[in-house]
PDB file of N, CA and C in Angstrom:
ATOM      1  N   UNK A   1     -10.168  25.595   6.080  1.00  0.00           N
ATOM      2  CA  UNK A   1      -8.790  25.206   5.734  1.00  0.00           C
ATOM      3  C   UNK A   1      -7.872  26.418   5.905  1.00  0.00           C
ATOM      4  N   UNK A   2      -8.333  27.503   6.347  1.00  0.00           N
ATOM      5  CA  UNK A   2      -7.501  28.677   6.547  1.00  0.00           C
ATOM      6  C   UNK A   2      -6.664  28.691   7.821  1.00  0.00           C
ATOM      7  N   UNK A   3      -7.180  28.015   8.846  1.00  0.00           N
ATOM      8  CA  UNK A   3      -6.492  28.086  10.097  1.00  0.00           C
ATOM      9  C   UNK A   3      -5.322  27.090  10.100  1.00  0.00           C
ATOM     10  N   UNK A   4      -4.296  27.401  10.905  1.00  0.00           N
ATOM     11  CA  UNK A   4      -3.170  26.415  10.970  1.00  0.00           C
ATOM     12  C   UNK A   4      -3.581  24.995  11.418  1.00  0.00           C
ATOM     13  N   UNK A   5      -4.516  24.926  12.368  1.00  0.00           N
ATOM     14  CA  UNK A   5      -4.963  23.648  12.857  1.00  0.00           C
ATOM     15  C   UNK A   5      -5.640  22.836  11.741  1.00  0.00           C
ATOM     16  N   UNK A   6      -6.411  23.509  10.917  1.00  0.00           N
ATOM     17  CA  UNK A   6      -7.111  22.828   9.771  1.00  0.00           C
ATOM     18  C   UNK A   6      -6.087  22.330   8.758  1.00  0.00           C
ATOM     19  N   UNK A   7      -5.058  23.156   8.517  1.00  0.00           N
ATOM     20  CA  UNK A   7      -4.057  22.742   7.584  1.00  0.00           C
ATOM     21  C   UNK A   7      -3.274  21.537   8.073  1.00  0.00           C
ATOM     22  N   UNK A   8      -3.020  21.402   9.371  1.00  0.00           N
ATOM     23  CA  UNK A   8      -2.337  20.262   9.919  1.00  0.00           C
ATOM     24  C   UNK A   8      -3.209  19.010   9.762  1.00  0.00           C
ATOM     25  N   UNK A   9      -4.506  19.148  10.025  1.00  0.00           N
ATOM     26  CA  UNK A   9      -5.410  18.019   9.862  1.00  0.00           C
ATOM     27  C   UNK A   9      -5.487  17.558   8.438  1.00  0.00           C
ATOM     28  N   UNK A  10      -5.520  18.490   7.518  1.00  0.00           N
ATOM     29  CA  UNK A  10      -5.581  18.143   6.086  1.00  0.00           C
ATOM     30  C   UNK A  10      -4.297  17.473   5.648  1.00  0.00           C
ATOM     31  N   UNK A  11      -3.164  17.923   6.202  1.00  0.00           N
ATOM     32  CA  UNK A  11      -1.852  17.358   5.814  1.00  0.00           C
ATOM     33  C   UNK A  11      -1.828  15.848   6.258  1.00  0.00           C
ATOM     34  N   UNK A  12      -2.476  15.437   7.253  1.00  0.00           N
ATOM     35  CA  UNK A  12      -2.496  14.094   7.698  1.00  0.00           C
ATOM     36  C   UNK A  12      -3.060  13.122   6.631  1.00  0.00           C
ATOM     37  N   UNK A  13      -3.933  13.683   5.763  1.00  0.00           N
ATOM     38  CA  UNK A  13      -4.540  12.845   4.722  1.00  0.00           C
ATOM     39  C   UNK A  13      -3.456  12.208   3.828  1.00  0.00           C
ATOM     40  N   UNK A  14      -2.381  12.912   3.554  1.00  0.00           N
ATOM     41  CA  UNK A  14      -1.332  12.348   2.696  1.00  0.00           C
ATOM     42  C   UNK A  14      -0.804  11.057   3.310  1.00  0.00           C
ATOM     43  N   UNK A  15      -0.700  11.010   4.573  1.00  0.00           N
ATOM     44  CA  UNK A  15      -0.102   9.850   5.216  1.00  0.00           C
ATOM     45  C   UNK A  15      -1.123   8.707   5.448  1.00  0.00           C
ATOM     46  N   UNK A  16      -2.370   9.009   5.597  1.00  0.00           N
ATOM     47  CA  UNK A  16      -3.317   7.971   5.993  1.00  0.00           C
ATOM     48  C   UNK A  16      -4.241   7.567   4.858  1.00  0.00           C
ATOM     49  N   UNK A  17      -4.635   8.451   4.007  1.00  0.00           N
ATOM     50  CA  UNK A  17      -5.671   8.103   3.013  1.00  0.00           C
ATOM     51  C   UNK A  17      -5.127   8.066   1.597  1.00  0.00           C
ATOM     52  N   UNK A  18      -4.374   9.083   1.200  1.00  0.00           N
ATOM     53  CA  UNK A  18      -3.994   9.242  -0.176  1.00  0.00           C
ATOM     54  C   UNK A  18      -2.991   8.211  -0.676  1.00  0.00           C
ATOM     55  N   UNK A  19      -1.977   7.855   0.121  1.00  0.00           N
ATOM     56  CA  UNK A  19      -0.921   7.049  -0.401  1.00  0.00           C
ATOM     57  C   UNK A  19      -1.330   5.662  -0.848  1.00  0.00           C
ATOM     58  N   UNK A  20      -2.281   4.968  -0.216  1.00  0.00           N
ATOM     59  CA  UNK A  20      -2.661   3.651  -0.752  1.00  0.00           C
ATOM     60  C   UNK A  20      -3.236   3.754  -2.136  1.00  0.00           C
ATOM     61  N   UNK A  21      -4.023   4.756  -2.405  1.00  0.00           N
ATOM     62  CA  UNK A  21      -4.565   4.880  -3.755  1.00  0.00           C
ATOM     63  C   UNK A  21      -3.533   5.240  -4.790  1.00  0.00           C
ATOM     64  N   UNK A  22      -2.534   6.037  -4.351  1.00  0.00           N
ATOM     65  CA  UNK A  22      -1.428   6.351  -5.258  1.00  0.00           C
ATOM     66  C   UNK A  22      -0.572   5.114  -5.503  1.00  0.00           C
ATOM     67  N   UNK A  23      -0.387   4.275  -4.501  1.00  0.00           N
ATOM     68  CA  UNK A  23       0.316   3.026  -4.685  1.00  0.00           C
ATOM     69  C   UNK A  23      -0.417   2.075  -5.658  1.00  0.00           C
ATOM     70  N   UNK A  24      -1.693   1.987  -5.456  1.00  0.00           N
ATOM     71  CA  UNK A  24      -2.475   1.076  -6.348  1.00  0.00           C
ATOM     72  C   UNK A  24      -2.398   1.560  -7.833  1.00  0.00           C
ATOM     73  N   UNK A  25      -2.483   2.871  -8.008  1.00  0.00           N
ATOM     74  CA  UNK A  25      -2.436   3.372  -9.365  1.00  0.00           C
ATOM     75  C   UNK A  25      -1.067   3.354  -9.959  1.00  0.00           C
ATOM     76  N   UNK A  26      -0.078   3.792  -9.270  1.00  0.00           N
ATOM     77  CA  UNK A  26       1.295   3.948  -9.837  1.00  0.00           C
ATOM     78  C   UNK A  26       2.067   2.660  -9.820  1.00  0.00           C
ATOM     79  N   UNK A  27       2.156   1.991  -8.668  1.00  0.00           N
ATOM     80  CA  UNK A  27       2.991   0.819  -8.530  1.00  0.00           C
ATOM     81  C   UNK A  27       2.356  -0.459  -8.992  1.00  0.00           C
ATOM     82  N   UNK A  28       1.032  -0.590  -8.676  1.00  0.00           N
ATOM     83  CA  UNK A  28       0.347  -1.829  -9.104  1.00  0.00           C
ATOM     84  C   UNK A  28      -0.331  -1.710 -10.440  1.00  0.00           C
ATOM     85  N   UNK A  29      -0.220  -0.547 -11.000  1.00  0.00           N
ATOM     86  CA  UNK A  29      -0.817  -0.268 -12.401  1.00  0.00           C
ATOM     87  C   UNK A  29      -2.314  -0.487 -12.482  1.00  0.00           C
ATOM     88  N   UNK A  30      -3.033  -0.211 -11.343  1.00  0.00           N
ATOM     89  CA  UNK A  30      -4.487  -0.364 -11.365  1.00  0.00           C
ATOM     90  C   UNK A  30      -5.154   0.967 -11.706  1.00  0.00           C
ATOM     91  N   UNK A  31      -5.522   1.123 -12.924  1.00  0.00           N
ATOM     92  CA  UNK A  31      -6.104   2.381 -13.365  1.00  0.00           C
ATOM     93  C   UNK A  31      -7.539   2.234 -13.876  1.00  0.00           C
ATOM     94  N   UNK A  32      -7.993   1.010 -14.103  1.00  0.00           N
ATOM     95  CA  UNK A  32      -9.356   0.818 -14.584  1.00  0.00           C
ATOM     96  C   UNK A  32      -9.843  -0.517 -14.175  1.00  0.00           C
ATOM     97  N   UNK A  33     -11.167  -0.695 -14.165  1.00  0.00           N
ATOM     98  CA  UNK A  33     -11.787  -1.936 -13.834  1.00  0.00           C
ATOM     99  C   UNK A  33     -11.898  -2.826 -15.112  1.00  0.00           C
ATOM    100  N   UNK A  34     -11.746  -4.084 -14.930  1.00  0.00           N
ATOM    101  CA  UNK A  34     -11.814  -4.997 -16.074  1.00  0.00           C
ATOM    102  C   UNK A  34     -13.124  -5.789 -16.159  1.00  0.00           C
ATOM    103  N   UNK A  35     -13.984  -5.535 -15.140  1.00  0.00           N
ATOM    104  CA  UNK A  35     -15.250  -6.248 -15.050  1.00  0.00           C
ATOM    105  C   UNK A  35     -16.375  -5.280 -15.054  1.00  0.00           C
ATOM    106  N   UNK A  36     -17.608  -5.804 -15.198  1.00  0.00           N
ATOM    107  CA  UNK A  36     -18.811  -4.962 -15.086  1.00  0.00           C
ATOM    108  C   UNK A  36     -19.714  -5.561 -14.003  1.00  0.00           C
ATOM    109  N   UNK A  37     -20.531  -4.715 -13.438  1.00  0.00           N
ATOM    110  CA  UNK A  37     -21.472  -5.176 -12.426  1.00  0.00           C
ATOM    111  C   UNK A  37     -20.889  -4.911 -11.053  1.00  0.00           C
ATOM    112  N   UNK A  38     -21.787  -4.549 -10.129  1.00  0.00           N
ATOM    113  CA  UNK A  38     -21.351  -4.155  -8.775  1.00  0.00           C
ATOM    114  C   UNK A  38     -20.619  -5.274  -8.055  1.00  0.00           C
ATOM    115  N   UNK A  39     -21.185  -6.481  -8.119  1.00  0.00           N
ATOM    116  CA  UNK A  39     -20.558  -7.589  -7.404  1.00  0.00           C
ATOM    117  C   UNK A  39     -19.181  -7.959  -7.935  1.00  0.00           C
ATOM    118  N   UNK A  40     -19.010  -7.954  -9.262  1.00  0.00           N
ATOM    119  CA  UNK A  40     -17.738  -8.208  -9.812  1.00  0.00           C
ATOM    120  C   UNK A  40     -16.706  -7.111  -9.538  1.00  0.00           C
ATOM    121  N   UNK A  41     -17.157  -5.880  -9.507  1.00  0.00           N
ATOM    122  CA  UNK A  41     -16.218  -4.755  -9.165  1.00  0.00           C
ATOM    123  C   UNK A  41     -15.833  -4.842  -7.703  1.00  0.00           C
ATOM    124  N   UNK A  42     -16.783  -5.172  -6.793  1.00  0.00           N
ATOM    125  CA  UNK A  42     -16.413  -5.344  -5.415  1.00  0.00           C
ATOM    126  C   UNK A  42     -15.380  -6.472  -5.216  1.00  0.00           C
ATOM    127  N   UNK A  43     -15.567  -7.556  -5.912  1.00  0.00           N
ATOM    128  CA  UNK A  43     -14.589  -8.659  -5.895  1.00  0.00           C
ATOM    129  C   UNK A  43     -13.240  -8.201  -6.393  1.00  0.00           C
ATOM    130  N   UNK A  44     -13.235  -7.429  -7.457  1.00  0.00           N
ATOM    131  CA  UNK A  44     -11.973  -6.930  -8.073  1.00  0.00           C
ATOM    132  C   UNK A  44     -11.288  -5.957  -7.058  1.00  0.00           C
ATOM    133  N   UNK A  45     -12.072  -5.105  -6.452  1.00  0.00           N
ATOM    134  CA  UNK A  45     -11.521  -4.199  -5.420  1.00  0.00           C
ATOM    135  C   UNK A  45     -10.914  -4.967  -4.279  1.00  0.00           C
ATOM    136  N   UNK A  46     -11.616  -6.040  -3.783  1.00  0.00           N
ATOM    137  CA  UNK A  46     -11.063  -6.839  -2.707  1.00  0.00           C
ATOM    138  C   UNK A  46      -9.729  -7.465  -3.090  1.00  0.00           C
ATOM    139  N   UNK A  47      -9.633  -7.954  -4.296  1.00  0.00           N
ATOM    140  CA  UNK A  47      -8.365  -8.539  -4.734  1.00  0.00           C
ATOM    141  C   UNK A  47      -7.241  -7.523  -4.817  1.00  0.00           C
ATOM    142  N   UNK A  48      -7.569  -6.317  -5.264  1.00  0.00           N
ATOM    143  CA  UNK A  48      -6.577  -5.278  -5.352  1.00  0.00           C
ATOM    144  C   UNK A  48      -6.136  -4.865  -3.944  1.00  0.00           C
ATOM    145  N   UNK A  49      -7.099  -4.749  -2.979  1.00  0.00           N
ATOM    146  CA  UNK A  49      -6.721  -4.403  -1.627  1.00  0.00           C
ATOM    147  C   UNK A  49      -5.856  -5.490  -0.968  1.00  0.00           C
ATOM    148  N   UNK A  50      -6.210  -6.746  -1.242  1.00  0.00           N
ATOM    149  CA  UNK A  50      -5.403  -7.852  -0.734  1.00  0.00           C
ATOM    150  C   UNK A  50      -3.984  -7.776  -1.276  1.00  0.00           C
ATOM    151  N   UNK A  51      -3.838  -7.463  -2.567  1.00  0.00           N
ATOM    152  CA  UNK A  51      -2.513  -7.336  -3.144  1.00  0.00           C
ATOM    153  C   UNK A  51      -1.700  -6.222  -2.498  1.00  0.00           C
ATOM    154  N   UNK A  52      -2.404  -5.115  -2.191  1.00  0.00           N
ATOM    155  CA  UNK A  52      -1.733  -3.966  -1.537  1.00  0.00           C
ATOM    156  C   UNK A  52      -1.288  -4.367  -0.146  1.00  0.00           C
ATOM    157  N   UNK A  53      -2.167  -5.036   0.590  1.00  0.00           N
ATOM    158  CA  UNK A  53      -1.860  -5.464   1.942  1.00  0.00           C
ATOM    159  C   UNK A  53      -0.688  -6.454   2.000  1.00  0.00           C
ATOM    160  N   UNK A  54      -0.725  -7.402   1.061  1.00  0.00           N
ATOM    161  CA  UNK A  54       0.379  -8.408   1.001  1.00  0.00           C
ATOM    162  C   UNK A  54       1.721  -7.725   0.693  1.00  0.00           C
ATOM    163  N   UNK A  55       1.695  -6.746  -0.199  1.00  0.00           N
ATOM    164  CA  UNK A  55       2.898  -6.008  -0.518  1.00  0.00           C
ATOM    165  C   UNK A  55       3.463  -5.277   0.693  1.00  0.00           C
ATOM    166  N   UNK A  56       2.573  -4.672   1.465  1.00  0.00           N
ATOM    167  CA  UNK A  56       2.995  -4.003   2.672  1.00  0.00           C
ATOM    168  C   UNK A  56       3.555  -4.979   3.702  1.00  0.00           C
ATOM    169  N   UNK A  57       2.878  -6.119   3.853  1.00  0.00           N
ATOM    170  CA  UNK A  57       3.370  -7.139   4.827  1.00  0.00           C
ATOM    171  C   UNK A  57       4.716  -7.658   4.382  1.00  0.00           C
ATOM    172  N   UNK A  58       4.879  -7.977   3.125  1.00  0.00           N
ATOM    173  CA  UNK A  58       6.169  -8.462   2.633  1.00  0.00           C
ATOM    174  C   UNK A  58       7.254  -7.461   2.837  1.00  0.00           C
ATOM    175  N   UNK A  59       6.932  -6.202   2.612  1.00  0.00           N
ATOM    176  CA  UNK A  59       7.922  -5.115   2.857  1.00  0.00           C
ATOM    177  C   UNK A  59       8.311  -5.024   4.286  1.00  0.00           C
ATOM    178  N   UNK A  60       7.388  -5.159   5.188  1.00  0.00           N
ATOM    179  CA  UNK A  60       7.725  -5.064   6.627  1.00  0.00           C
ATOM    180  C   UNK A  60       8.577  -6.286   7.045  1.00  0.00           C
ATOM    181  N   UNK A  61       8.220  -7.459   6.499  1.00  0.00           N
ATOM    182  CA  UNK A  61       9.019  -8.652   6.869  1.00  0.00           C
ATOM    183  C   UNK A  61      10.462  -8.527   6.361  1.00  0.00           C
ATOM    184  N   UNK A  62      10.644  -8.085   5.121  1.00  0.00           N
ATOM    185  CA  UNK A  62      11.959  -7.989   4.619  1.00  0.00           C
ATOM    186  C   UNK A  62      12.768  -6.911   5.321  1.00  0.00           C
ATOM    187  N   UNK A  63      12.063  -5.810   5.724  1.00  0.00           N
ATOM    188  CA  UNK A  63      12.714  -4.780   6.475  1.00  0.00           C
ATOM    189  C   UNK A  63      13.252  -5.310   7.816  1.00  0.00           C
ATOM    190  N   UNK A  64      12.433  -6.080   8.482  1.00  0.00           N
ATOM    191  CA  UNK A  64      12.807  -6.678   9.800  1.00  0.00           C
ATOM    192  C   UNK A  64      13.903  -7.721   9.600  1.00  0.00           C
ATOM    193  N   UNK A  65      13.818  -8.508   8.549  1.00  0.00           N
ATOM    194  CA  UNK A  65      14.806  -9.553   8.317  1.00  0.00           C
ATOM    195  C   UNK A  65      16.172  -8.938   8.022  1.00  0.00           C
ATOM    196  N   UNK A  66      16.227  -7.839   7.293  1.00  0.00           N
ATOM    197  CA  UNK A  66      17.496  -7.181   6.995  1.00  0.00           C
ATOM    198  C   UNK A  66      18.077  -6.640   8.274  1.00  0.00           C
ATOM    199  N   UNK A  67      17.314  -6.276   9.247  1.00  0.00           N
ATOM    200  CA  UNK A  67      17.851  -5.797  10.496  1.00  0.00           C
ATOM    201  C   UNK A  67      18.450  -6.946  11.309  1.00  0.00           C
ATOM    202  N   UNK A  68      17.894  -8.151  11.194  1.00  0.00           N
ATOM    203  CA  UNK A  68      18.355  -9.263  11.988  1.00  0.00           C
ATOM    204  C   UNK A  68      19.562  -9.920  11.353  1.00  0.00           C
ATOM    205  N   UNK A  69      19.533 -10.162  10.026  1.00  0.00           N
ATOM    206  CA  UNK A  69      20.606 -10.891   9.350  1.00  0.00           C
ATOM    207  C   UNK A  69      21.601  -9.880   8.767  1.00  0.00           C
ATOM    208  N   UNK A  70      22.870  -9.961   9.067  1.00  0.00           N
ATOM    209  CA  UNK A  70      23.833  -9.075   8.457  1.00  0.00           C
ATOM    210  C   UNK A  70      23.880  -9.309   7.005  1.00  0.00           C
ATOM    211  N   UNK A  71      24.250  -8.265   6.204  1.00  0.00           N
ATOM    212  CA  UNK A  71      24.185  -8.335   4.780  1.00  0.00           C
ATOM    213  C   UNK A  71      25.262  -9.215   4.193  1.00  0.00           C
ATOM    214  N   UNK A  72      26.455  -9.299   4.767  1.00  0.00           N
ATOM    215  CA  UNK A  72      27.569 -10.027   4.190  1.00  0.00           C
ATOM    216  C   UNK A  72      27.589 -11.555   4.531  1.00  0.00           C
ATOM    217  N   UNK A  73      26.580 -12.011   5.260  1.00  0.00           N
ATOM    218  CA  UNK A  73      26.589 -13.437   5.603  1.00  0.00           C
ATOM    219  C   UNK A  73      25.766 -14.225   4.540  1.00  0.00           C
ATOM    220  N   UNK A  74      26.187 -15.407   4.267  1.00  0.00           N
ATOM    221  CA  UNK A  74      25.433 -16.256   3.346  1.00  0.00           C
ATOM    222  C   UNK A  74      24.640 -17.247   4.175  1.00  0.00           C
ATOM    223  N   UNK A  75      23.410 -17.613   3.720  1.00  0.00           N
ATOM    224  CA  UNK A  75      22.660 -18.603   4.454  1.00  0.00           C
ATOM    225  C   UNK A  75      23.249 -19.980   4.418  1.00  0.00           C
ATOM    226  N   UNK A  76      23.154 -20.741   5.466  1.00  0.00           N
ATOM    227  CA  UNK A  76      23.703 -22.120   5.532  1.00  0.00           C
ATOM    228  C   UNK A  76      22.509 -23.072   5.337  1.00  0.00           C
ATOM    229  N   UNK A  77      22.779 -24.132   4.567  1.00  0.00           N
ATOM    230  CA  UNK A  77      21.705 -25.075   4.301  1.00  0.00           C
ATOM    231  C   UNK A  77      22.004 -26.368   5.054  1.00  0.00           C
TER     232      UNK A  77
END
């Protein structure tokens, strides 16, 4: 980790690995497991990861929608 190349590689972790876990803990308030047993914990993990993915997808959709629809227009029914 002393070389500049190694520091750049390590810095990439913040963007690719660390932020989903921070999002799960901070924003989704997932700090502990509520079940016991390997199978139940794997199921709980899968549900948490699905929630994280849905949140990201929703964020991307709303971001793209805001670019398409001007802010001052009201929807017509």
